[in-house]
Amino acid sequence: MQWNSVGEFFAMGGYAFYVWGSFGACAVLMVAEPLLAKRRLSEVRQSLIRERLADELDLQQRTQ
């Protein structure tokens, strides 16, 4: 497809809403995914730390 102007390029032959909406959704997801993964990793680490502390406390109480 050939465009004669920048306006025609951004109009995408009448499909601008679909094309640019798809690019926008993809960009949002590419930013959100690493942030959500980092948050989930942090939650899992905190959960493991709490479990370990609970196990250590339980072991201490059993030995007393």
Protein backbone atom coordinates (compact mmCIF):
# COMPACT_ATOMS: atom_id res chain seq x y z
CA MET A 1 0.00 0.00 0.00
CA GLN A 2 1.28 3.46 -0.87
CA TRP A 3 0.48 6.64 1.01
CA ASN A 4 0.73 10.09 -0.50
CA SER A 5 0.81 11.94 2.80
CA VAL A 6 1.38 11.45 6.50
CA GLY A 7 -2.36 11.89 7.07
CA GLU A 8 -3.12 8.99 4.75
CA PHE A 9 -0.54 6.88 6.57
CA PHE A 10 -2.18 7.52 9.95
CA ALA A 11 -5.65 6.94 8.48
CA MET A 12 -4.46 3.49 7.31
CA GLY A 13 -6.93 3.32 4.46
CA GLY A 14 -9.90 3.62 6.81
CA TYR A 15 -8.66 1.03 9.28
CA ALA A 16 -6.83 3.45 11.58
CA PHE A 17 -8.93 2.69 14.66
CA TYR A 18 -8.24 -1.06 14.37
CA VAL A 19 -4.56 -0.70 13.43
CA TRP A 20 -3.58 1.96 15.98
CA GLY A 21 -5.80 0.42 18.64
CA SER A 22 -3.98 -2.87 18.15
CA PHE A 23 -0.60 -1.18 18.41
CA GLY A 24 -1.74 0.65 21.54
CA ALA A 25 -3.08 -2.48 23.21
CA CYS A 26 0.13 -4.34 22.39
CA ALA A 27 2.25 -1.51 23.82
CA VAL A 28 0.21 -1.41 27.03
CA LEU A 29 0.53 -5.17 27.48
CA MET A 30 4.27 -5.12 26.77
CA VAL A 31 4.70 -2.57 29.56
CA ALA A 32 2.25 -4.19 31.97
CA GLU A 33 3.49 -7.79 31.68
CA PRO A 34 7.00 -7.26 33.15
CA LEU A 35 5.57 -5.06 35.90
CA LEU A 36 2.99 -7.68 36.86
CA ALA A 37 5.59 -10.46 36.70
CA LYS A 38 7.91 -8.47 38.97
CA ARG A 39 5.08 -7.87 41.45
CA ARG A 40 4.14 -11.56 41.45
CA LEU A 41 7.78 -12.58 42.01
CA SER A 42 7.95 -10.23 44.97
CA GLU A 43 4.75 -11.71 46.42
CA VAL A 44 6.08 -15.26 46.02
CA ARG A 45 9.36 -14.34 47.70
CA GLN A 46 7.52 -12.75 50.63
CA SER A 47 5.32 -15.82 50.94
CA LEU A 48 8.36 -18.11 51.00
CA ILE A 49 10.04 -15.94 53.64
CA ARG A 50 6.89 -16.09 55.82
CA GLU A 51 6.70 -19.86 55.38
CA ARG A 52 10.34 -20.30 56.33
CA LEU A 53 9.96 -18.10 59.42
CA ALA A 54 6.83 -20.00 60.44
CA ASP A 55 8.66 -23.34 60.03
CA GLU A 56 11.61 -22.08 62.08
CA LEU A 57 9.29 -20.83 64.83
CA ASP A 58 7.42 -24.14 64.83
CA LEU A 59 10.70 -26.05 65.08
CA GLN A 60 11.86 -23.86 67.97
CA GLN A 61 8.60 -24.42 69.83
CA ARG A 62 8.84 -28.18 69.40
CA THR A 63 12.39 -28.29 70.78
CA GLN A 64 11.54 -26.30 73.90
